[in-house]
Structure formats: C-alpha cells, structure tokens
Protein backbone atom coordinates (compact mmCIF):
# COMPACT_ATOMS: atom_id res chain seq x y z
CA MET A 1 0.00 0.00 0.00
CA THR A 2 1.46 3.36 -1.04
CA ASN A 3 -0.13 6.61 0.07
CA SER A 4 0.24 10.06 -1.40
CA GLY A 5 1.56 13.02 0.53
CA THR A 6 4.91 14.22 1.83
CA ILE A 7 6.46 12.39 4.77
CA GLU A 8 7.99 14.57 7.47
CA LEU A 9 10.12 13.27 10.33
CA LYS A 10 10.07 15.02 13.68
CA LYS A 11 12.47 14.34 16.50
CA VAL A 12 11.07 13.63 19.94
CA ARG A 13 11.95 16.64 22.07
CA THR A 14 9.41 16.83 24.89
CA LYS A 15 7.52 14.54 27.26
CA LYS A 16 4.44 15.12 25.13
CA ASP A 17 6.37 14.03 22.03
CA LEU A 18 7.47 10.89 23.88
CA ARG A 19 3.87 9.97 24.62
CA ARG A 20 3.07 10.43 20.94
CA PHE A 21 6.02 8.19 20.07
CA ILE A 22 4.58 5.43 22.28
CA LYS A 23 1.09 6.01 20.91
CA VAL A 24 2.14 5.23 17.31
CA GLN A 25 2.04 1.47 17.83
CA PHE A 26 -1.28 1.66 19.67
CA GLN A 27 -2.79 3.29 16.61
CA LEU A 28 -1.12 0.92 14.16
CA TYR A 29 -2.13 -2.26 15.99
CA LYS A 30 -5.53 -1.19 17.25
CA GLY A 31 -7.83 -4.20 17.15
CA ASN A 32 -5.02 -6.64 16.28
CA GLN A 33 -5.74 -9.89 18.13
CA TYR A 34 -2.12 -11.09 18.21
CA TRP A 35 -0.33 -7.96 19.44
CA CYS A 36 0.51 -7.65 23.14
CA PRO A 37 0.49 -3.96 24.13
CA PRO A 38 3.43 -2.86 26.25
CA MET A 39 2.81 -1.23 29.59
CA TRP A 40 2.77 2.53 29.09
CA MET A 41 4.53 3.05 32.40
CA ASP A 42 7.40 0.75 31.44
CA GLU A 43 7.78 2.31 27.99
CA LEU A 44 7.98 5.81 29.45
CA LYS A 45 10.66 4.76 31.95
CA THR A 46 12.72 2.90 29.37
CA LEU A 47 12.73 5.73 26.84
CA ASP A 48 13.21 8.56 29.36
CA ARG A 49 16.82 9.77 29.49
CA ASP A 50 16.38 10.80 33.12
CA LYS A 51 15.06 7.44 34.30
CA ASN A 52 16.86 4.74 32.32
CA PRO A 53 20.41 4.08 33.61
CA ALA A 54 21.33 2.68 30.18
CA PHE A 55 21.85 6.31 29.16
CA ASP A 56 25.03 6.18 31.25
CA PHE A 57 26.58 4.44 28.23
CA CYS A 58 24.04 4.92 25.43
CA ASP A 59 23.12 7.76 23.10
CA ALA A 60 19.66 7.78 21.54
CA GLU A 61 17.35 9.77 19.30
CA TYR A 62 13.69 9.12 18.47
CA TRP A 63 11.76 10.12 15.36
CA ILE A 64 8.06 10.13 14.47
CA ALA A 65 6.98 10.07 10.82
CA TYR A 66 4.02 12.26 9.88
CA ARG A 67 1.92 12.55 6.76
CA GLY A 68 0.21 15.84 7.40
CA SER A 69 -1.07 15.59 10.97
CA GLU A 70 -1.23 11.78 10.90
CA MET A 71 1.45 9.72 12.64
CA VAL A 72 2.46 6.96 10.22
CA GLY A 73 5.66 5.56 11.75
CA ARG A 74 8.38 5.83 14.37
CA ILE A 75 11.91 4.65 15.10
CA ALA A 76 14.59 4.89 17.78
CA GLY A 77 18.28 5.17 17.02
CA ILE A 78 20.58 3.89 19.78
CA ILE A 79 24.35 3.75 20.13
CA ASN A 80 25.36 1.39 22.91
CA HIS A 81 28.98 2.31 23.48
CA ASN A 82 29.58 -0.60 25.89
CA ALA A 83 28.28 -3.12 23.34
CA ASN A 84 30.37 -1.63 20.53
CA LYS A 85 33.46 -1.83 22.74
CA ARG A 86 32.64 -5.38 23.85
CA TRP A 87 32.20 -6.62 20.28
CA ASN A 88 34.75 -4.30 18.63
CA GLU A 89 32.11 -2.79 16.36
CA LYS A 90 30.81 0.59 15.28
CA LEU A 91 27.12 -0.16 14.92
CA VAL A 92 24.09 2.00 15.50
CA ARG A 93 21.01 0.16 16.67
CA PHE A 94 17.46 0.75 15.53
CA GLY A 95 14.52 -0.18 17.72
CA TRP A 96 10.91 0.71 18.47
CA ILE A 97 10.33 0.61 14.72
CA ASP A 98 6.76 0.73 13.42
CA PHE A 99 5.35 1.98 10.14
CA ILE A 100 2.44 1.71 7.76
CA ASP A 101 2.93 -0.37 4.62
CA ASP A 102 4.62 2.37 2.63
CA PRO A 103 8.34 2.16 1.71
CA GLN A 104 8.51 5.95 1.65
CA VAL A 105 7.76 5.94 5.38
CA SER A 106 10.01 3.03 6.38
CA GLY A 107 12.78 4.33 4.13
CA LYS A 108 12.83 7.76 5.72
CA LEU A 109 12.87 6.25 9.20
CA ILE A 110 15.81 3.96 8.43
CA GLU A 111 17.65 6.74 6.60
CA ALA A 112 17.31 9.01 9.63
CA VAL A 113 19.02 6.48 11.89
CA ILE A 114 21.73 5.78 9.31
CA ALA A 115 22.46 9.50 8.88
CA TRP A 116 22.63 9.99 12.64
CA GLY A 117 24.84 6.92 13.00
CA LYS A 118 27.26 8.21 10.36
CA GLU A 119 27.47 11.55 12.18
CA LYS A 120 28.49 9.62 15.28
CA GLY A 121 31.19 7.65 13.43
CA MET A 122 29.31 4.37 13.02
CA ASP A 123 29.80 2.15 9.95
CA GLY A 124 26.71 -0.07 10.14
CA ILE A 125 23.21 -0.48 11.50
CA HIS A 126 21.45 -3.44 13.12
CA GLY A 127 18.20 -4.16 14.89
CA PRO A 128 15.56 -4.18 16.15
CA LEU A 129 17.50 -3.97 19.40
CA GLY A 130 16.97 -2.04 22.59
CA PHE A 131 19.37 -0.41 25.01
CA SER A 132 20.16 -3.84 26.48
CA ASP A 133 19.05 -7.46 26.20
CA MET A 134 16.41 -6.75 28.84
CA ASP A 135 14.52 -4.80 26.18
CA ASN A 136 12.49 -6.57 23.51
CA GLU A 137 14.47 -7.35 20.38
CA GLY A 138 14.12 -9.02 17.01
CA MET A 139 11.61 -8.45 14.20
CA LEU A 140 8.97 -11.14 13.83
CA ILE A 141 9.51 -13.12 10.60
CA LYS A 142 7.43 -16.21 11.42
CA GLY A 143 4.34 -16.67 13.59
CA PHE A 144 2.24 -13.67 12.62
CA GLU A 145 -0.93 -15.48 13.66
CA GLU A 146 0.38 -16.43 17.09
CA LEU A 147 -0.41 -14.59 20.29
CA SER A 148 2.58 -12.47 21.25
CA THR A 149 3.94 -11.97 24.76
CA LEU A 150 4.93 -8.98 26.86
CA ALA A 151 8.59 -9.92 26.46
CA SER A 152 8.61 -10.05 22.65
CA ILE A 153 7.98 -7.84 19.63
CA TYR A 154 4.99 -8.26 17.34
CA ASN A 155 4.90 -6.71 13.87
CA TYR A 156 3.02 -7.09 10.60
CA PRO A 157 4.38 -9.42 7.86
CA TYR A 158 5.12 -6.54 5.48
CA TYR A 159 7.91 -5.31 7.75
CA VAL A 160 10.09 -8.17 6.49
CA THR A 161 9.60 -7.18 2.84
CA HIS A 162 10.63 -3.62 3.62
CA MET A 163 13.83 -4.69 5.37
CA GLU A 164 14.82 -6.95 2.49
CA ARG A 165 14.06 -4.18 -0.01
CA PHE A 166 16.47 -1.87 1.82
CA GLY A 167 19.29 -4.42 1.59
CA PHE A 168 19.31 -5.68 5.17
CA GLN A 169 20.58 -9.19 5.86
CA LYS A 170 20.20 -11.65 8.70
CA ALA A 171 22.48 -11.06 11.67
CA ALA A 172 20.81 -13.43 14.14
CA ASP A 173 17.51 -15.21 14.69
CA TRP A 174 15.67 -15.93 17.91
CA VAL A 175 13.20 -18.81 18.10
CA GLN A 176 10.32 -19.31 20.51
CA TYR A 177 8.46 -22.43 21.56
CA GLU A 178 5.00 -23.20 22.85
CA PHE A 179 4.57 -26.45 24.70
CA SER A 180 2.07 -28.30 26.87
CA ILE A 181 2.78 -28.84 30.54
CA PRO A 182 2.71 -32.60 31.30
CA PRO A 183 0.39 -33.40 34.24
CA GLU A 184 3.21 -35.42 35.80
CA ILE A 185 6.94 -34.81 35.98
CA PRO A 186 8.92 -37.48 34.07
CA ASP A 187 10.83 -39.84 36.36
CA LYS A 188 14.09 -39.24 34.50
CA VAL A 189 13.85 -35.49 35.14
CA GLU A 190 13.25 -36.08 38.85
CA ARG A 191 16.20 -38.48 39.00
CA LEU A 192 18.51 -36.11 37.12
CA SER A 193 17.54 -33.22 39.38
CA PHE A 194 18.30 -35.25 42.49
CA LEU A 195 21.64 -36.48 41.15
CA VAL A 196 22.79 -33.00 40.08
CA GLN A 197 21.77 -31.53 43.41
CA GLU A 198 23.65 -34.19 45.36
CA LYS A 199 26.76 -34.27 43.15
CA TYR A 200 27.41 -30.53 43.19
CA LYS A 201 25.97 -29.84 46.67
CA LEU A 202 23.36 -27.44 45.36
CA HIS A 203 20.07 -26.39 46.83
CA LEU A 204 16.99 -24.43 45.81
CA VAL A 205 15.88 -21.15 47.31
CA LYS A 206 12.47 -21.67 48.90
CA ALA A 207 10.61 -18.36 48.82
CA LYS A 208 7.08 -17.82 50.11
CA ARG A 209 7.01 -14.10 49.31
CA SER A 210 8.61 -12.10 46.53
CA LYS A 211 10.66 -10.11 49.03
CA ASP A 212 12.31 -13.37 50.15
CA LEU A 213 14.03 -13.40 46.75
CA LEU A 214 15.42 -9.87 47.03
CA PRO A 215 18.74 -10.87 48.71
CA TYR A 216 19.40 -13.19 45.75
CA ALA A 217 18.42 -10.78 42.98
CA PRO A 218 21.84 -9.06 42.63
CA LYS A 219 23.51 -12.50 42.57
CA MET A 220 21.10 -13.64 39.88
CA PHE A 221 21.96 -10.66 37.68
CA ARG A 222 25.68 -11.33 38.08
CA THR A 223 25.07 -14.88 36.90
CA LEU A 224 22.95 -13.56 34.04
CA ASN A 225 25.81 -11.33 32.91
CA ALA A 226 28.20 -14.29 32.92
CA ALA A 227 25.76 -16.69 31.24
CA PHE A 228 24.77 -14.28 28.46
CA ASP A 229 28.21 -12.82 27.81
CA GLU A 230 28.78 -14.61 24.49
CA LEU A 231 25.25 -14.13 23.10
CA TYR A 232 24.73 -11.90 20.08
CA GLY A 233 25.11 -8.21 20.89
CA TYR A 234 25.03 -8.72 24.65
CA THR A 235 26.52 -6.16 26.96
CA ALA A 236 26.77 -6.64 30.71
CA LEU A 237 24.16 -4.94 32.86
CA THR A 238 25.58 -2.27 35.14
CA GLN A 239 24.84 -2.06 38.84
CA ARG A 240 22.44 0.82 38.26
CA GLN A 241 20.55 -1.23 35.69
CA MET A 242 20.37 -4.20 38.02
CA ASP A 243 19.02 -2.00 40.81
CA MET A 244 16.36 -0.61 38.47
CA TYR A 245 15.15 -4.06 37.36
CA VAL A 246 15.07 -5.39 40.92
CA LYS A 247 12.95 -2.43 42.01
CA ALA A 248 10.69 -2.62 38.96
CA TYR A 249 9.94 -6.34 38.82
CA PHE A 250 10.80 -8.19 42.01
CA GLY A 251 7.94 -6.57 43.91
CA PHE A 252 5.16 -8.32 42.00
CA ILE A 253 6.60 -11.60 40.73
CA ARG A 254 5.02 -14.81 41.98
CA PRO A 255 7.81 -16.63 43.84
CA GLU A 256 6.22 -20.01 43.06
CA PHE A 257 7.20 -19.52 39.42
CA VAL A 258 10.76 -18.36 40.11
CA THR A 259 13.59 -20.75 41.02
CA PHE A 260 17.13 -19.88 42.07
CA VAL A 261 19.75 -22.64 42.33
CA VAL A 262 22.55 -21.82 44.77
CA ASP A 263 25.84 -23.44 45.72
CA GLU A 264 27.44 -24.02 49.13
CA GLN A 265 28.48 -20.35 49.27
CA ASP A 266 24.84 -19.32 48.67
CA GLU A 267 25.75 -17.90 45.27
CA VAL A 268 23.17 -18.16 42.48
CA ILE A 269 24.56 -20.48 39.81
CA GLY A 270 21.33 -21.05 37.89
CA PHE A 271 17.89 -19.48 37.66
CA GLY A 272 14.52 -19.70 35.95
CA ILE A 273 12.04 -16.84 36.00
CA SER A 274 8.51 -17.17 34.68
CA MET A 275 5.22 -15.33 35.10
CA PRO A 276 1.57 -15.97 34.25
CA SER A 277 0.84 -14.54 30.81
CA LEU A 278 -0.26 -10.90 30.85
CA THR A 279 -1.06 -10.66 27.13
CA LYS A 280 -4.84 -10.85 27.34
CA ALA A 281 -4.96 -8.57 30.38
CA LEU A 282 -2.85 -5.94 28.60
CA GLN A 283 -5.03 -6.21 25.51
CA ARG A 284 -8.09 -5.45 27.66
CA CYS A 285 -6.54 -2.44 29.41
CA HIS A 286 -4.53 -1.20 26.40
CA GLY A 287 -1.33 -1.23 28.42
CA LYS A 288 -2.58 1.20 31.07
CA LEU A 289 -2.82 0.43 34.78
CA PHE A 290 -5.61 2.91 35.42
CA PRO A 291 -8.49 3.11 35.89
CA PHE A 292 -9.03 -0.68 35.83
CA GLY A 293 -5.95 -2.12 34.16
CA PHE A 294 -4.31 -3.15 37.42
CA LEU A 295 -7.35 -5.30 38.22
CA TYR A 296 -7.03 -7.20 34.92
CA ILE A 297 -3.32 -7.67 35.54
CA LEU A 298 -3.75 -8.86 39.13
CA ARG A 299 -6.41 -11.31 38.00
CA ALA A 300 -4.10 -12.64 35.29
CA ILE A 301 -1.26 -13.06 37.78
CA LYS A 302 -3.45 -14.95 40.25
CA LYS A 303 -5.44 -17.14 37.88
CA ASN A 304 -4.07 -18.25 34.53
CA ASP A 305 -3.49 -21.41 32.52
CA THR A 306 -0.57 -19.99 30.50
CA ILE A 307 2.93 -19.16 31.71
CA ASP A 308 5.53 -16.97 30.00
CA MET A 309 9.11 -18.07 30.63
CA TYR A 310 11.07 -14.82 30.77
CA LEU A 311 14.64 -15.56 31.78
CA ASN A 312 16.81 -18.55 32.52
CA GLY A 313 20.53 -19.08 32.71
CA VAL A 314 23.40 -21.07 34.23
CA ARG A 315 26.78 -19.74 35.26
CA PRO A 316 29.37 -20.83 32.66
CA ASP A 317 31.32 -23.08 35.04
CA TYR A 318 28.13 -25.08 35.69
CA GLN A 319 26.82 -25.24 32.14
CA GLY A 320 26.36 -28.70 30.67
CA LYS A 321 26.02 -30.29 34.13
CA GLY A 322 22.23 -30.54 34.28
CA VAL A 323 21.62 -27.49 36.47
CA ASN A 324 18.80 -26.35 34.21
CA ALA A 325 16.96 -29.57 35.04
CA LEU A 326 16.86 -28.42 38.66
CA TYR A 327 15.06 -25.15 38.09
CA TYR A 328 12.77 -26.47 35.35
CA ASN A 329 11.79 -29.42 37.54
CA GLU A 330 10.94 -27.11 40.41
CA MET A 331 8.94 -24.72 38.24
CA HIS A 332 7.18 -27.68 36.61
CA LYS A 333 5.90 -28.69 40.05
CA ALA A 334 4.47 -25.21 40.53
CA TYR A 335 2.86 -25.23 37.08
CA ILE A 336 1.05 -28.46 37.88
CA LYS A 337 -0.02 -27.23 41.32
CA TYR A 338 -1.49 -23.98 39.98
CA GLY A 339 -3.21 -25.36 36.89
CA ILE A 340 -0.78 -24.15 34.23
CA THR A 341 -1.31 -26.16 31.05
CA LYS A 342 0.71 -24.18 28.49
CA ALA A 343 4.09 -22.45 28.50
CA ILE A 344 5.65 -19.97 26.08
CA THR A 345 9.44 -19.78 26.11
CA ASN A 346 11.41 -16.60 25.92
CA PRO A 347 13.18 -15.96 22.58
CA GLN A 348 16.32 -18.10 22.29
CA LEU A 349 19.10 -17.58 19.78
CA GLU A 350 18.80 -20.41 17.28
CA GLU A 351 22.48 -21.34 17.64
CA ASN A 352 22.19 -21.48 21.43
CA ALA A 353 22.02 -25.29 21.47
CA LYS A 354 22.46 -25.47 25.24
CA ALA A 355 19.15 -23.71 25.77
CA LEU A 356 17.25 -25.37 22.95
CA THR A 357 17.89 -28.95 24.12
CA ILE A 358 15.72 -28.22 27.15
CA TRP A 359 12.54 -28.52 25.09
CA LYS A 360 13.22 -31.93 23.54
CA ASN A 361 11.40 -33.76 26.34
CA PHE A 362 8.20 -31.73 25.99
CA ASP A 363 5.26 -31.87 23.62
CA GLY A 364 5.71 -28.56 21.87
CA ARG A 365 6.37 -26.65 18.69
CA GLN A 366 8.52 -23.80 17.46
CA HIS A 367 5.89 -21.21 16.67
CA MET A 368 7.67 -17.86 16.36
CA THR A 369 10.96 -16.62 14.92
CA ARG A 370 12.43 -13.14 15.22
CA ARG A 371 15.34 -11.62 13.35
CA CYS A 372 18.01 -9.04 13.97
CA TRP A 373 18.88 -7.39 10.64
CA ILE A 374 22.21 -5.80 9.74
CA LYS A 375 23.50 -3.53 7.01
CA HIS A 376 26.90 -1.87 6.65
CA PHE A 377 27.24 1.58 5.16
C-alpha cells in the first residue's frame, strides 16, 4: 500500500512528544488480536533519558513520521557504546520501529538512523535492538498469527519485505516455543535433578514471598551477565541497571514460578524466571494500569493457565552439568499445582544449542521466529 503526501520526520523533544512516540504502535495495531500492548509506564521509563540508567553508556534519538497531521511511523536510534566496545564494532542500533505499509515511510525512518549513525562515526546499522538485552528485540519473521507476549515484539508481515528491499541481511535469529505442561513430571527429570543436586551440593531457594528473593536478585543478575556474555550483541548490565530491574519487577513476581539454584556459598549459579501470561490482560486495558488495568493484571497473575518463561541461565562453570533440570523441575511442580497447562518460552538464539535442548522432552512446537537485521554503510 502506497499513500500520497509528503512524509515529514520530527524528532522527539518533549515529554508530550514521547507519549506520541509510544502512541504510534497503539494506533497501528488497534484491534489486532495477536499484538501484546506494552505497559505505558514501562515504555515511558525505558525511553526517558532521566530514568533509564542505560543512558550512562548509550546515546539515543527518536523520530516520528508524519503525513500531514497523521502519525504513520516511528523509530529509535541507539548507540550502545559498551556493546560496541565489547564486540569491537561501530554499529548504531534501531529499535521501536513501526510503520504503515509504505516504503517511503520506512525508508525515511531507516535513513534518519543511518544518517545519525554516520554523524556519530558508526559504519553499520542493526536491529531491532533495545538499550540492552532486557529490552524486547528481534523483528517477527514467522508466527504472525500467534499470540505475542509482553517480552517479545509483534509486527506485521510486510515489515520483512521492507527490510529486504532496503538491503538488510540476517544477523541473528531468535526462536520461541510453545509447549504443553505434562500433568506429571517425568521420572528421568526427577532423578537427574536429584543427582545433580547431590553431586554438586546445590540447593533451591524456597521463597514464600517475593521479598524473600530480594537478597538473591543481585547475585542472579551477576550470573545472568556471565551466562549471556557470548550471546549476540550482549553487553553486561551495570549495577544501576540491576538495581532498576530489581525495584521494577521483584515486587510483583510470583515466587512459586521463580527458582534460584545456589551453591554451598549461597551464590546463584542457575535461575529460571517465569510469570503468568499478561497478554490478554494488557489487551483489555490497552497497556494502562488505570483506571481498571491493574485489576485485569492482578487477575491474570493470580489465575491463569498460560505461563511466560522470561529468563533462565546457568553460570558458565556449571553449564552442561544438568543445572537447568533443577530449576525447570521445580517450576514444573508449581505449574502443575497452579493449573498451568501451556508455556511460552522466551526468545532463544537459534544457535544457542544449550538452551534449545531443554525442550526436547516436551510436547511442543517452534511457533515464532524473530530476526536481527544488519546492514553496513
């Protein structure tokens, strides 16, 4: 679809502009049954230079595309200096990209980030990526008729055609799985969990309240940094980022669906974090907590048959030793107890074989694939 009229890009300068920037996707996906709206509050915090500690090492600009008074697209340009140093690259990231099916719109958005990147001395562009791996990343290339999750990007199929038209190539793909929760835990998983626990003298953190997990949260993030260090584009979270995520998320997680594996020194060497799916609740409240959104969200957290598996990892010196069986076994028990019948994995890099072997014992399917695109100038 090509529309007539001149496209004008406007940089986001004010708080009001930032709200418009967030609103673009709500207009574009209004009524879409597969899109999971983000939480407005989280989007505002992430994109606000004064609130997101990633701006300690990132530069960013945001643009909105207009045709007359109509918003028809948006994009963020991000330079993560820590990531570029870690990977010895000079790449500008693009993220928060949305546009109508018009190459004039998408072209101007991409060109704006490229021009800005060149001004900053970059020699290539890749994305969709956020400020860090804790932000949603990857453009959907398969699974357009699957229900998305809060922790993943949804976009229309035509986005892929636009990226290919502009000469972008695959940099990395993330795959996602949906699987059924068996009503009983397989004996071999129970046995493996017991053997691993005994052999390496490990134990599980038993938490009745979310605040019981708080002393272990900083340790978990240190393990996350070590476990994710070699993954595409990863850059270690700083202490200020860790503090922000602990404050933002550890207050409302359900501890039954979170498992920390610790060693004899009480250090977290493996973890699995999952939450009841919030997709349908966020669709009902359009991503806003008020006036009634928090009620939908609380209801979804307390009663749900679907779980979203957000994060999991094992410290490198314990990888390949079956530690993941420990936290998945423990979470599996909770899923059965609370009536969870379906689980959606977090996006996993397709070459991350260590993570992907986890799903071989479950009745599931790969149902979504997301791509990071790259183009050098």
